[in-house]
Amino acid sequence: MYPEYLVEPMRAELTTVGFEEMKTAEDVDNAITSEGTVFVVVNSVCGCAAANARPAAKMAAANGKHPDKMITVFAGMEKDAVDRARGYMVPFPPSSPSMALFKDGKLVHMIERHQIEGRPAQMIADNLIGAFEQYC
């Protein structure tokens, strides 16, 4: 686990734009299995989260058409919540950062770490916006 003071600003990058922080496995279950669309960001302290993933998630969240819920879990912090979120993302292997879109509890779109690393935030946001337009 990382010190909370270290990750708080990274959490806030998403929570200040409407993402809800999931701290328990039950929180994750309740959010993902609900009716409608849910966008999940597995947040991380790594550089590609800072430079690419969080900025992309924020850009996509600002789109006119977006999911009913936007949630986030933090890798290296709330282990049970992160593990539960990743369980819903099977068959994709665990990675952080990563992003997933669910519709009525079913995974419909996934972006893994290897699709985030080295790609501009705008390119990732455009990918997410396309998924939002299709499923939300």
Protein backbone atom coordinates (compact mmCIF):
# COMPACT_ATOMS: atom_id res chain seq x y z
CA MET A 1 0.00 0.00 0.00
CA TYR A 2 1.05 3.55 -0.68
CA PRO A 3 0.77 6.36 1.85
CA GLU A 4 -2.65 8.02 1.54
CA TYR A 5 -1.10 11.49 1.27
CA LEU A 6 0.67 10.31 -1.89
CA VAL A 7 -2.39 8.95 -3.68
CA GLU A 8 -4.98 11.52 -2.57
CA PRO A 9 -4.13 14.03 -5.34
CA MET A 10 -4.29 11.18 -7.89
CA ARG A 11 -7.69 10.11 -6.57
CA ALA A 12 -8.90 13.71 -6.67
CA GLU A 13 -8.07 14.06 -10.35
CA LEU A 14 -10.99 11.73 -11.02
CA THR A 15 -13.32 12.32 -8.08
CA THR A 16 -13.44 16.08 -8.71
CA VAL A 17 -14.88 15.41 -12.19
CA GLY A 18 -17.61 13.01 -11.05
CA PHE A 19 -15.98 9.64 -10.44
CA GLU A 20 -16.99 7.84 -7.27
CA GLU A 21 -14.21 6.11 -5.35
CA MET A 22 -14.99 2.47 -4.57
CA LYS A 23 -13.35 1.30 -1.34
CA THR A 24 -14.87 -2.17 -0.85
CA ALA A 25 -15.73 -5.21 -2.95
CA GLU A 26 -19.38 -4.67 -2.05
CA ASP A 27 -19.22 -1.08 -3.39
CA VAL A 28 -17.85 -2.45 -6.67
CA ASP A 29 -20.52 -5.16 -6.87
CA ASN A 30 -23.32 -2.67 -6.28
CA ALA A 31 -22.02 -0.28 -8.91
CA ILE A 32 -21.14 -2.68 -11.71
CA THR A 33 -24.18 -4.95 -11.41
CA SER A 34 -26.60 -2.04 -11.46
CA GLU A 35 -28.76 -1.32 -14.47
CA GLY A 36 -27.32 1.03 -17.05
CA THR A 37 -23.77 1.90 -18.00
CA VAL A 38 -20.78 2.06 -15.66
CA PHE A 39 -17.31 3.32 -16.55
CA VAL A 40 -14.55 1.90 -14.32
CA VAL A 41 -11.03 3.29 -14.08
CA VAL A 42 -8.39 1.24 -12.28
CA ASN A 43 -6.20 4.13 -11.15
CA SER A 44 -2.49 3.84 -10.46
CA VAL A 45 0.57 5.79 -9.31
CA CYS A 46 2.48 4.99 -12.51
CA GLY A 47 3.52 7.57 -15.07
CA CYS A 48 1.16 6.36 -17.77
CA ALA A 49 -1.77 6.86 -15.38
CA ALA A 50 -0.65 10.43 -14.76
CA ALA A 51 0.18 11.34 -18.34
CA ASN A 52 -2.38 9.32 -20.26
CA ALA A 53 -5.09 7.45 -18.34
CA ARG A 54 -6.42 10.05 -15.92
CA PRO A 55 -6.37 12.89 -18.48
CA ALA A 56 -8.13 10.63 -21.01
CA ALA A 57 -10.77 9.58 -18.47
CA LYS A 58 -11.42 13.22 -17.60
CA MET A 59 -11.75 14.21 -21.27
CA ALA A 60 -14.13 11.34 -21.96
CA ALA A 61 -16.19 12.11 -18.86
CA ALA A 62 -16.71 15.65 -20.17
CA ASN A 63 -18.31 14.30 -23.36
CA GLY A 64 -21.99 15.06 -23.78
CA LYS A 65 -22.84 11.37 -23.86
CA HIS A 66 -21.32 9.47 -20.97
CA PRO A 67 -22.08 6.51 -18.70
CA ASP A 68 -24.71 6.58 -15.98
CA LYS A 69 -22.00 5.98 -13.38
CA MET A 70 -18.28 6.59 -13.32
CA ILE A 71 -16.31 4.78 -10.65
CA THR A 72 -12.68 4.26 -9.78
CA VAL A 73 -10.57 1.87 -7.72
CA PHE A 74 -6.93 2.46 -6.84
CA ALA A 75 -4.37 -0.27 -7.49
CA GLY A 76 -2.07 -0.74 -4.54
CA MET A 77 -4.61 0.59 -2.07
CA GLU A 78 -8.03 -1.01 -1.53
CA LYS A 79 -7.05 -4.55 -2.56
CA ASP A 80 -10.50 -6.15 -2.21
CA ALA A 81 -12.19 -3.46 -4.30
CA VAL A 82 -9.50 -3.63 -6.99
CA ASP A 83 -9.59 -7.43 -7.10
CA ARG A 84 -13.38 -7.42 -7.42
CA ALA A 85 -13.32 -4.86 -10.24
CA ARG A 86 -10.67 -6.88 -12.06
CA GLY A 87 -12.80 -9.99 -11.61
CA TYR A 88 -15.52 -8.35 -13.69
CA MET A 89 -12.94 -7.61 -16.40
CA VAL A 90 -12.08 -11.26 -17.10
CA PRO A 91 -10.88 -12.56 -19.60
CA PHE A 92 -8.55 -9.55 -19.64
CA PRO A 93 -5.55 -9.96 -17.34
CA PRO A 94 -5.17 -7.57 -14.41
CA SER A 95 -3.45 -4.35 -15.36
CA SER A 96 -3.22 -0.87 -14.02
CA PRO A 97 -4.11 1.53 -15.17
CA SER A 98 -7.00 0.13 -17.13
CA MET A 99 -10.50 1.20 -18.07
CA ALA A 100 -13.70 -0.73 -18.66
CA LEU A 101 -17.24 0.05 -19.70
CA PHE A 102 -20.11 -2.12 -18.50
CA LYS A 103 -23.70 -2.15 -19.67
CA ASP A 104 -26.25 -3.84 -17.43
CA GLY A 105 -23.41 -5.63 -15.63
CA LYS A 106 -21.74 -6.95 -18.79
CA LEU A 107 -18.31 -5.87 -20.00
CA VAL A 108 -18.71 -4.14 -23.38
CA HIS A 109 -15.41 -2.24 -23.80
CA MET A 110 -11.94 -2.58 -22.31
CA ILE A 111 -8.72 -0.60 -22.48
CA GLU A 112 -5.69 -2.33 -21.00
CA ARG A 113 -2.43 -0.82 -19.83
CA HIS A 114 -0.63 -1.73 -23.06
CA GLN A 115 -3.24 0.35 -24.92
CA ILE A 116 -2.56 3.31 -22.61
CA GLU A 117 1.24 3.33 -22.45
CA GLY A 118 2.80 5.63 -25.02
CA ARG A 119 -0.50 6.81 -26.47
CA PRO A 120 -1.66 10.40 -26.23
CA ALA A 121 -4.49 11.06 -23.79
CA GLN A 122 -6.65 12.45 -26.60
CA MET A 123 -6.36 9.20 -28.58
CA ILE A 124 -7.47 7.20 -25.53
CA ALA A 125 -10.29 9.67 -24.84
CA ASP A 126 -11.48 9.38 -28.45
CA ASN A 127 -11.57 5.58 -28.05
CA LEU A 128 -13.64 5.95 -24.86
CA ILE A 129 -15.96 8.51 -26.39
CA GLY A 130 -16.63 6.14 -29.29
CA ALA A 131 -17.61 3.45 -26.78
CA PHE A 132 -19.80 5.91 -24.87
CA GLU A 133 -21.54 6.91 -28.09
CA GLN A 134 -22.18 3.26 -28.92
CA TYR A 135 -23.28 1.93 -25.53
CA CYS A 136 -24.54 4.84 -23.41
